[in-house]
PDB file of N, CA and C in Angstrom:
ATOM      1  N   MET A   1     159.675  85.552 179.808  1.00  0.00           N
ATOM      2  CA  MET A   1     161.093  85.985 180.042  1.00  0.00           C
ATOM      3  C   MET A   1     162.227  85.772 179.191  1.00  0.00           C
ATOM      4  N   SER A   2     163.160  86.838 178.579  1.00  0.00           N
ATOM      5  CA  SER A   2     163.917  85.957 177.786  1.00  0.00           C
ATOM      6  C   SER A   2     165.125  85.547 178.529  1.00  0.00           C
ATOM      7  N   ILE A   3     165.949  84.846 177.833  1.00  0.00           N
ATOM      8  CA  ILE A   3     167.574  84.682 178.948  1.00  0.00           C
ATOM      9  C   ILE A   3     168.516  85.551 178.129  1.00  0.00           C
ATOM     10  N   PRO A   4     169.011  86.689 178.841  1.00  0.00           N
ATOM     11  CA  PRO A   4     170.357  87.496 178.407  1.00  0.00           C
ATOM     12  C   PRO A   4     171.002  86.533 177.631  1.00  0.00           C
ATOM     13  N   SER A   5     171.527  86.870 176.295  1.00  0.00           N
ATOM     14  CA  SER A   5     172.577  86.065 175.481  1.00  0.00           C
ATOM     15  C   SER A   5     173.914  87.038 175.354  1.00  0.00           C
ATOM     16  N   VAL A   6     175.086  86.114 175.575  1.00  0.00           N
ATOM     17  CA  VAL A   6     176.249  87.200 174.604  1.00  0.00           C
ATOM     18  C   VAL A   6     175.998  87.947 173.350  1.00  0.00           C
ATOM     19  N   HIS A   7     175.236  87.478 172.797  1.00  0.00           N
ATOM     20  CA  HIS A   7     175.002  87.897 171.310  1.00  0.00           C
ATOM     21  C   HIS A   7     174.418  89.621 171.481  1.00  0.00           C
ATOM     22  N   SER A   8     173.227  89.396 172.161  1.00  0.00           N
ATOM     23  CA  SER A   8     172.361  90.494 172.502  1.00  0.00           C
ATOM     24  C   SER A   8     173.135  91.659 173.650  1.00  0.00           C
ATOM     25  N   ALA A   9     173.980  91.535 174.308  1.00  0.00           N
ATOM     26  CA  ALA A   9     174.784  91.731 175.517  1.00  0.00           C
ATOM     27  C   ALA A   9     175.765  92.662 174.384  1.00  0.00           C
ATOM     28  N   ALA A  10     176.580  92.126 173.382  1.00  0.00           N
ATOM     29  CA  ALA A  10     177.577  93.185 172.625  1.00  0.00           C
ATOM     30  C   ALA A  10     177.016  93.555 171.804  1.00  0.00           C
ATOM     31  N   GLN A  11     175.650  93.503 171.132  1.00  0.00           N
ATOM     32  CA  GLN A  11     175.144  94.517 170.148  1.00  0.00           C
ATOM     33  C   GLN A  11     174.198  95.303 170.781  1.00  0.00           C
ATOM     34  N   THR A  12     174.076  95.326 171.820  1.00  0.00           N
ATOM     35  CA  THR A  12     173.513  96.211 172.275  1.00  0.00           C
ATOM     36  C   THR A  12     174.298  97.147 174.108  1.00  0.00           C
ATOM     37  N   HIS A  13     175.669  96.947 173.815  1.00  0.00           N
ATOM     38  CA  HIS A  13     176.270  97.821 174.428  1.00  0.00           C
ATOM     39  C   HIS A  13     176.599  97.239 175.655  1.00  0.00           C
ATOM     40  N   GLN A  14     175.926  96.235 176.424  1.00  0.00           N
ATOM     41  CA  GLN A  14     176.207  96.084 177.834  1.00  0.00           C
ATOM     42  C   GLN A  14     177.405  95.070 178.215  1.00  0.00           C
ATOM     43  N   ILE A  15     178.622  95.927 178.199  1.00  0.00           N
ATOM     44  CA  ILE A  15     179.720  95.207 178.999  1.00  0.00           C
ATOM     45  C   ILE A  15     179.818  94.735 179.999  1.00  0.00           C
ATOM     46  N   GLY A  16     179.061  94.948 181.219  1.00  0.00           N
ATOM     47  CA  GLY A  16     178.852  94.542 182.121  1.00  0.00           C
ATOM     48  C   GLY A  16     178.212  93.156 182.195  1.00  0.00           C
ATOM     49  N   LEU A  17     177.041  93.303 181.638  1.00  0.00           N
ATOM     50  CA  LEU A  17     176.420  91.659 181.336  1.00  0.00           C
ATOM     51  C   LEU A  17     177.185  90.847 180.651  1.00  0.00           C
ATOM     52  N   LEU A  18     178.079  91.453 179.255  1.00  0.00           N
ATOM     53  CA  LEU A  18     178.916  90.389 178.532  1.00  0.00           C
ATOM     54  C   LEU A  18     179.727  89.579 179.461  1.00  0.00           C
ATOM     55  N   ARG A  19     180.852  90.672 180.364  1.00  0.00           N
ATOM     56  CA  ARG A  19     181.782  90.079 181.645  1.00  0.00           C
ATOM     57  C   ARG A  19     181.354  88.657 182.243  1.00  0.00           C
ATOM     58  N   THR A  20     179.766  89.516 183.074  1.00  0.00           N
ATOM     59  CA  THR A  20     179.659  88.213 183.645  1.00  0.00           C
ATOM     60  C   THR A  20     179.468  87.033 183.068  1.00  0.00           C
ATOM     61  N   LEU A  21     178.433  86.967 181.672  1.00  0.00           N
ATOM     62  CA  LEU A  21     178.431  85.805 181.313  1.00  0.00           C
ATOM     63  C   LEU A  21     179.492  85.139 180.579  1.00  0.00           C
ATOM     64  N   VAL A  22     180.424  85.709 180.595  1.00  0.00           N
ATOM     65  CA  VAL A  22     181.679  85.411 179.887  1.00  0.00           C
ATOM     66  C   VAL A  22     182.688  84.496 180.903  1.00  0.00           C
ATOM     67  N   SER A  23     182.508  85.503 182.010  1.00  0.00           N
ATOM     68  CA  SER A  23     183.359  84.928 183.372  1.00  0.00           C
ATOM     69  C   SER A  23     182.105  83.723 184.003  1.00  0.00           C
ATOM     70  N   GLU A  24     181.299  83.356 183.652  1.00  0.00           N
ATOM     71  CA  GLU A  24     180.828  82.334 183.771  1.00  0.00           C
ATOM     72  C   GLU A  24     180.941  81.148 183.039  1.00  0.00           C
ATOM     73  N   ASN A  25     181.244  81.514 181.810  1.00  0.00           N
ATOM     74  CA  ASN A  25     181.359  79.995 181.019  1.00  0.00           C
ATOM     75  C   ASN A  25     182.303  80.990 180.080  1.00  0.00           C
ATOM     76  N   PRO A  26     183.340  80.734 179.732  1.00  0.00           N
ATOM     77  CA  PRO A  26     184.105  81.359 179.033  1.00  0.00           C
ATOM     78  C   PRO A  26     183.965  81.047 177.647  1.00  0.00           C
ATOM     79  N   SER A  27     183.789  80.014 177.173  1.00  0.00           N
ATOM     80  CA  SER A  27     183.334  79.400 176.005  1.00  0.00           C
ATOM     81  C   SER A  27     182.150  79.834 175.227  1.00  0.00           C
ATOM     82  N   LEU A  28     181.360  81.260 176.065  1.00  0.00           N
ATOM     83  CA  LEU A  28     180.469  81.714 174.989  1.00  0.00           C
ATOM     84  C   LEU A  28     181.272  83.025 174.401  1.00  0.00           C
ATOM     85  N   VAL A  29     182.833  83.279 175.044  1.00  0.00           N
ATOM     86  CA  VAL A  29     183.443  83.931 173.958  1.00  0.00           C
ATOM     87  C   VAL A  29     183.188  83.888 172.186  1.00  0.00           C
ATOM     88  N   ASN A  30     182.823  82.452 172.085  1.00  0.00           N
ATOM     89  CA  ASN A  30     182.483  82.199 170.491  1.00  0.00           C
ATOM     90  C   ASN A  30     182.108  81.363 170.284  1.00  0.00           C
ATOM     91  N   ALA A  31     180.545  81.471 170.889  1.00  0.00           N
ATOM     92  CA  ALA A  31     179.259  81.151 170.863  1.00  0.00           C
ATOM     93  C   ALA A  31     178.887  81.654 169.375  1.00  0.00           C
ATOM     94  N   ILE A  32     178.225  80.926 168.844  1.00  0.00           N
ATOM     95  CA  ILE A  32     177.376  81.258 167.738  1.00  0.00           C
ATOM     96  C   ILE A  32     175.985  81.568 167.720  1.00  0.00           C
ATOM     97  N   ASP A  33     175.278  82.207 167.183  1.00  0.00           N
ATOM     98  CA  ASP A  33     173.885  82.281 166.932  1.00  0.00           C
ATOM     99  C   ASP A  33     173.223  82.269 165.757  1.00  0.00           C
ATOM    100  N   ALA A  34     172.083  81.724 165.713  1.00  0.00           N
ATOM    101  CA  ALA A  34     171.463  81.578 164.476  1.00  0.00           C
ATOM    102  C   ALA A  34     172.099  81.784 163.085  1.00  0.00           C
ATOM    103  N   ASP A  35     172.391  83.114 163.429  1.00  0.00           N
ATOM    104  CA  ASP A  35     173.276  83.260 161.791  1.00  0.00           C
ATOM    105  C   ASP A  35     174.639  83.245 162.100  1.00  0.00           C
ATOM    106  N   GLU A  36     175.237  82.274 162.301  1.00  0.00           N
ATOM    107  CA  GLU A  36     176.364  81.865 162.703  1.00  0.00           C
ATOM    108  C   GLU A  36     177.384  83.095 163.316  1.00  0.00           C
ATOM    109  N   ARG A  37     177.062  84.121 163.427  1.00  0.00           N
ATOM    110  CA  ARG A  37     177.416  85.467 163.979  1.00  0.00           C
ATOM    111  C   ARG A  37     178.201  85.006 165.549  1.00  0.00           C
ATOM    112  N   THR A  38     179.351  85.850 166.345  1.00  0.00           N
ATOM    113  CA  THR A  38     179.607  85.298 167.578  1.00  0.00           C
ATOM    114  C   THR A  38     179.605  87.061 167.911  1.00  0.00           C
ATOM    115  N   PRO A  39     179.645  86.729 169.211  1.00  0.00           N
ATOM    116  CA  PRO A  39     179.145  88.387 169.982  1.00  0.00           C
ATOM    117  C   PRO A  39     180.140  89.075 169.573  1.00  0.00           C
ATOM    118  N   LEU A  40     182.107  88.461 168.924  1.00  0.00           N
ATOM    119  CA  LEU A  40     182.253  89.796 168.436  1.00  0.00           C
ATOM    120  C   LEU A  40     182.257  89.931 166.962  1.00  0.00           C
ATOM    121  N   HIS A  41     181.373  89.397 166.332  1.00  0.00           N
ATOM    122  CA  HIS A  41     180.350  90.282 164.758  1.00  0.00           C
ATOM    123  C   HIS A  41     179.922  90.974 165.485  1.00  0.00           C
ATOM    124  N   TRP A  42     179.232  90.998 166.563  1.00  0.00           N
ATOM    125  CA  TRP A  42     178.549  92.112 167.091  1.00  0.00           C
ATOM    126  C   TRP A  42     178.486  92.890 167.572  1.00  0.00           C
ATOM    127  N   GLY A  43     180.012  92.566 168.613  1.00  0.00           N
ATOM    128  CA  GLY A  43     180.048  93.987 169.236  1.00  0.00           C
ATOM    129  C   GLY A  43     180.730  94.945 167.763  1.00  0.00           C
ATOM    130  N   ALA A  44     181.408  94.256 166.961  1.00  0.00           N
ATOM    131  CA  ALA A  44     182.355  95.053 165.568  1.00  0.00           C
ATOM    132  C   ALA A  44     181.109  95.655 164.965  1.00  0.00           C
ATOM    133  N   SER A  45     179.836  95.104 164.714  1.00  0.00           N
ATOM    134  CA  SER A  45     178.722  95.881 164.213  1.00  0.00           C
ATOM    135  C   SER A  45     178.284  96.757 164.762  1.00  0.00           C
ATOM    136  N   SER A  46     178.143  96.874 165.805  1.00  0.00           N
ATOM    137  CA  SER A  46     177.946  98.052 166.779  1.00  0.00           C
ATOM    138  C   SER A  46     178.748  99.147 167.334  1.00  0.00           C
ATOM    139  N   GLY A  47     180.048  98.821 166.823  1.00  0.00           N
ATOM    140  CA  GLY A  47     181.185  99.548 167.094  1.00  0.00           C
ATOM    141  C   GLY A  47     181.661 100.370 168.138  1.00  0.00           C
ATOM    142  N   ASP A  48     181.278  98.949 169.574  1.00  0.00           N
ATOM    143  CA  ASP A  48     181.386  99.336 170.583  1.00  0.00           C
ATOM    144  C   ASP A  48     182.631  98.794 171.043  1.00  0.00           C
ATOM    145  N   LEU A  49     183.917  99.953 171.221  1.00  0.00           N
ATOM    146  CA  LEU A  49     185.452  99.346 171.205  1.00  0.00           C
ATOM    147  C   LEU A  49     185.412  98.814 172.503  1.00  0.00           C
ATOM    148  N   ASP A  50     184.917  99.235 173.764  1.00  0.00           N
ATOM    149  CA  ASP A  50     185.174  98.416 174.794  1.00  0.00           C
ATOM    150  C   ASP A  50     184.716  97.087 174.941  1.00  0.00           C
ATOM    151  N   ILE A  51     183.846  96.486 174.117  1.00  0.00           N
ATOM    152  CA  ILE A  51     183.070  94.842 173.651  1.00  0.00           C
ATOM    153  C   ILE A  51     184.164  94.625 173.247  1.00  0.00           C
ATOM    154  N   VAL A  52     184.573  94.859 171.900  1.00  0.00           N
ATOM    155  CA  VAL A  52     185.428  94.582 171.072  1.00  0.00           C
ATOM    156  C   VAL A  52     186.647  94.101 171.412  1.00  0.00           C
ATOM    157  N   ARG A  53     187.468  95.131 172.279  1.00  0.00           N
ATOM    158  CA  ARG A  53     188.675  94.887 172.770  1.00  0.00           C
ATOM    159  C   ARG A  53     188.564  94.145 173.991  1.00  0.00           C
ATOM    160  N   TYR A  54     187.247  93.933 174.874  1.00  0.00           N
ATOM    161  CA  TYR A  54     187.475  93.006 175.829  1.00  0.00           C
ATOM    162  C   TYR A  54     187.350  91.404 175.134  1.00  0.00           C
ATOM    163  N   LEU A  55     186.284  91.235 174.270  1.00  0.00           N
ATOM    164  CA  LEU A  55     186.011  90.132 173.430  1.00  0.00           C
ATOM    165  C   LEU A  55     187.669  89.647 172.865  1.00  0.00           C
ATOM    166  N   VAL A  56     187.964  90.130 172.050  1.00  0.00           N
ATOM    167  CA  VAL A  56     189.812  90.287 171.632  1.00  0.00           C
ATOM    168  C   VAL A  56     190.530  89.448 173.051  1.00  0.00           C
ATOM    169  N   ASP A  57     190.490  90.287 173.696  1.00  0.00           N
ATOM    170  CA  ASP A  57     191.399  90.257 174.835  1.00  0.00           C
ATOM    171  C   ASP A  57     191.078  88.571 175.621  1.00  0.00           C
ATOM    172  N   GLN A  58     189.473  88.443 175.229  1.00  0.00           N
ATOM    173  CA  GLN A  58     189.291  86.699 175.759  1.00  0.00           C
ATOM    174  C   GLN A  58     189.394  85.803 174.846  1.00  0.00           C
ATOM    175  N   LYS A  59     190.248  86.324 174.030  1.00  0.00           N
ATOM    176  CA  LYS A  59     190.037  85.168 173.220  1.00  0.00           C
ATOM    177  C   LYS A  59     189.625  84.546 172.236  1.00  0.00           C
ATOM    178  N   ALA A  60     188.761  86.174 171.877  1.00  0.00           N
ATOM    179  CA  ALA A  60     187.661  85.582 170.423  1.00  0.00           C
ATOM    180  C   ALA A  60     188.399  85.480 169.312  1.00  0.00           C
ATOM    181  N   GLU A  61     187.488  84.530 168.498  1.00  0.00           N
ATOM    182  CA  GLU A  61     188.346  84.157 167.406  1.00  0.00           C
ATOM    183  C   GLU A  61     188.321  84.792 166.141  1.00  0.00           C
ATOM    184  N   VAL A  62     189.248  85.833 165.746  1.00  0.00           N
ATOM    185  CA  VAL A  62     188.672  86.730 165.166  1.00  0.00           C
ATOM    186  C   VAL A  62     188.879  86.782 163.686  1.00  0.00           C
ATOM    187  N   ASP A  63     188.889  85.582 163.207  1.00  0.00           N
ATOM    188  CA  ASP A  63     188.790  84.991 162.017  1.00  0.00           C
ATOM    189  C   ASP A  63     187.736  84.037 161.466  1.00  0.00           C
ATOM    190  N   LYS A  64     186.638  83.982 162.658  1.00  0.00           N
ATOM    191  CA  LYS A  64     185.780  83.139 162.324  1.00  0.00           C
ATOM    192  C   LYS A  64     184.715  83.590 161.356  1.00  0.00           C
ATOM    193  N   VAL A  65     183.946  83.294 160.063  1.00  0.00           N
ATOM    194  CA  VAL A  65     182.725  84.002 159.654  1.00  0.00           C
ATOM    195  C   VAL A  65     181.399  83.491 159.976  1.00  0.00           C
ATOM    196  N   ASP A  66     180.647  84.221 159.282  1.00  0.00           N
ATOM    197  CA  ASP A  66     179.037  83.863 159.919  1.00  0.00           C
ATOM    198  C   ASP A  66     178.591  83.047 158.883  1.00  0.00           C
ATOM    199  N   GLY A  67     177.372  83.105 158.909  1.00  0.00           N
ATOM    200  CA  GLY A  67     176.593  82.593 157.779  1.00  0.00           C
ATOM    201  C   GLY A  67     177.087  83.286 156.343  1.00  0.00           C
ATOM    202  N   SER A  68     177.085  84.248 156.371  1.00  0.00           N
ATOM    203  CA  SER A  68     177.509  85.030 155.113  1.00  0.00           C
ATOM    204  C   SER A  68     178.418  85.384 154.479  1.00  0.00           C
ATOM    205  N   GLY A  69     179.711  84.849 155.095  1.00  0.00           N
ATOM    206  CA  GLY A  69     181.097  84.398 154.774  1.00  0.00           C
ATOM    207  C   GLY A  69     181.756  85.515 155.493  1.00  0.00           C
ATOM    208  N   TRP A  70     181.551  86.515 156.171  1.00  0.00           N
ATOM    209  CA  TRP A  70     182.026  87.537 156.918  1.00  0.00           C
ATOM    210  C   TRP A  70     182.293  87.728 158.331  1.00  0.00           C
ATOM    211  N   SER A  71     184.036  87.883 158.086  1.00  0.00           N
ATOM    212  CA  SER A  71     184.389  88.068 159.558  1.00  0.00           C
ATOM    213  C   SER A  71     183.941  89.272 160.510  1.00  0.00           C
ATOM    214  N   ALA A  72     184.225  89.072 161.784  1.00  0.00           N
ATOM    215  CA  ALA A  72     183.670  90.426 162.203  1.00  0.00           C
ATOM    216  C   ALA A  72     185.179  91.930 161.858  1.00  0.00           C
ATOM    217  N   LEU A  73     186.144  91.589 161.334  1.00  0.00           N
ATOM    218  CA  LEU A  73     186.937  92.470 160.799  1.00  0.00           C
ATOM    219  C   LEU A  73     186.167  93.126 159.266  1.00  0.00           C
ATOM    220  N   HIS A  74     185.926  92.112 158.501  1.00  0.00           N
ATOM    221  CA  HIS A  74     185.150  92.293 157.430  1.00  0.00           C
ATOM    222  C   HIS A  74     183.899  93.250 157.827  1.00  0.00           C
ATOM    223  N   ILE A  75     183.115  93.033 159.090  1.00  0.00           N
ATOM    224  CA  ILE A  75     181.937  93.917 159.508  1.00  0.00           C
ATOM    225  C   ILE A  75     182.039  95.025 160.104  1.00  0.00           C
ATOM    226  N   ALA A  76     183.415  95.588 160.823  1.00  0.00           N
ATOM    227  CA  ALA A  76     184.062  96.673 161.305  1.00  0.00           C
ATOM    228  C   ALA A  76     184.255  97.208 160.226  1.00  0.00           C
ATOM    229  N   GLY A  77     185.079  97.209 159.451  1.00  0.00           N
ATOM    230  CA  GLY A  77     185.828  97.494 157.964  1.00  0.00           C
ATOM    231  C   GLY A  77     184.226  97.964 157.142  1.00  0.00           C
ATOM    232  N   ASN A  78     183.293  97.479 156.926  1.00  0.00           N
ATOM    233  CA  ASN A  78     182.163  97.572 156.359  1.00  0.00           C
ATOM    234  C   ASN A  78     181.942  99.055 156.846  1.00  0.00           C
ATOM    235  N   PHE A  79     182.253  99.467 158.002  1.00  0.00           N
ATOM    236  CA  PHE A  79     180.793 100.553 158.017  1.00  0.00           C
ATOM    237  C   PHE A  79     182.433 101.988 158.406  1.00  0.00           C
ATOM    238  N   GLY A  80     183.204 101.343 157.493  1.00  0.00           N
ATOM    239  CA  GLY A  80     184.356 102.525 156.862  1.00  0.00           C
ATOM    240  C   GLY A  80     184.711 103.513 158.139  1.00  0.00           C
ATOM    241  N   PRO A  81     184.196 104.806 157.749  1.00  0.00           N
ATOM    242  CA  PRO A  81     185.204 105.825 159.059  1.00  0.00           C
ATOM    243  C   PRO A  81     183.817 105.698 160.077  1.00  0.00           C
ATOM    244  N   LEU A  82     183.255 105.373 160.824  1.00  0.00           N
ATOM    245  CA  LEU A  82     182.594 105.342 161.820  1.00  0.00           C
ATOM    246  C   LEU A  82     183.011 104.287 162.719  1.00  0.00           C
ATOM    247  N   TYR A  83     183.661 103.200 161.894  1.00  0.00           N
ATOM    248  CA  TYR A  83     184.536 102.231 163.210  1.00  0.00           C
ATOM    249  C   TYR A  83     185.987 101.759 162.748  1.00  0.00           C
ATOM    250  N   PRO A  84     186.530 102.624 162.660  1.00  0.00           N
ATOM    251  CA  PRO A  84     188.000 102.230 162.224  1.00  0.00           C
ATOM    252  C   PRO A  84     188.664 101.575 163.169  1.00  0.00           C
ATOM    253  N   GLU A  85     188.576 102.122 164.624  1.00  0.00           N
ATOM    254  CA  GLU A  85     189.525 101.618 165.813  1.00  0.00           C
ATOM    255  C   GLU A  85     188.561 100.348 166.077  1.00  0.00           C
ATOM    256  N   SER A  86     187.847  99.724 165.736  1.00  0.00           N
ATOM    257  CA  SER A  86     187.081  98.464 165.814  1.00  0.00           C
ATOM    258  C   SER A  86     187.698  97.801 164.943  1.00  0.00           C
ATOM    259  N   ALA A  87     187.923  98.021 163.792  1.00  0.00           N
ATOM    260  CA  ALA A  87     188.694  97.186 162.525  1.00  0.00           C
ATOM    261  C   ALA A  87     190.130  97.225 163.408  1.00  0.00           C
ATOM    262  N   LEU A  88     190.561  98.270 163.882  1.00  0.00           N
ATOM    263  CA  LEU A  88     192.546  98.006 164.051  1.00  0.00           C
ATOM    264  C   LEU A  88     192.702  97.022 165.519  1.00  0.00           C
ATOM    265  N   ILE A  89     191.536  97.170 166.145  1.00  0.00           N
ATOM    266  CA  ILE A  89     191.626  96.192 167.601  1.00  0.00           C
ATOM    267  C   ILE A  89     191.533  94.592 167.176  1.00  0.00           C
ATOM    268  N   ILE A  90     190.555  94.577 166.389  1.00  0.00           N
ATOM    269  CA  ILE A  90     190.499  92.920 165.819  1.00  0.00           C
ATOM    270  C   ILE A  90     191.688  92.625 164.509  1.00  0.00           C
ATOM    271  N   ALA A  91     192.220  93.047 164.256  1.00  0.00           N
ATOM    272  CA  ALA A  91     193.526  92.849 163.131  1.00  0.00           C
ATOM    273  C   ALA A  91     194.825  93.202 163.850  1.00  0.00           C
ATOM    274  N   GLN A  92     194.701  93.222 165.527  1.00  0.00           N
ATOM    275  CA  GLN A  92     195.897  93.098 166.149  1.00  0.00           C
ATOM    276  C   GLN A  92     196.278  91.893 165.626  1.00  0.00           C
TER     277      GLN A  92
END
C-alpha cells in the first residue's frame, strides 16, 4: 500500500486529499519530490485551476524551480493556450 503524497494529489486532481494533507502538515505545500518539484509544479502541469489557486492561497513558493530549472509559472506557460489561467493565477 502506498502512502498518498501531496504531489500525486496535485497531479491527479485530488483537491480534497490535497487539502487534508496540507491542513495536517502545512509545510507540505512546498515539499519537493525526487525531481525537486513541488505540488504547485504538478498542479500547473495538470492545468487544475482549483489546485493551483489553493496552493497559491496556501503560500506555495511560486518562484521555486525544479531539478530542470523550471518554475511552476514556466510549466503553466509551456502548455500555451491550454492552461493560460493557471499561469495568470501563479503570476499574481
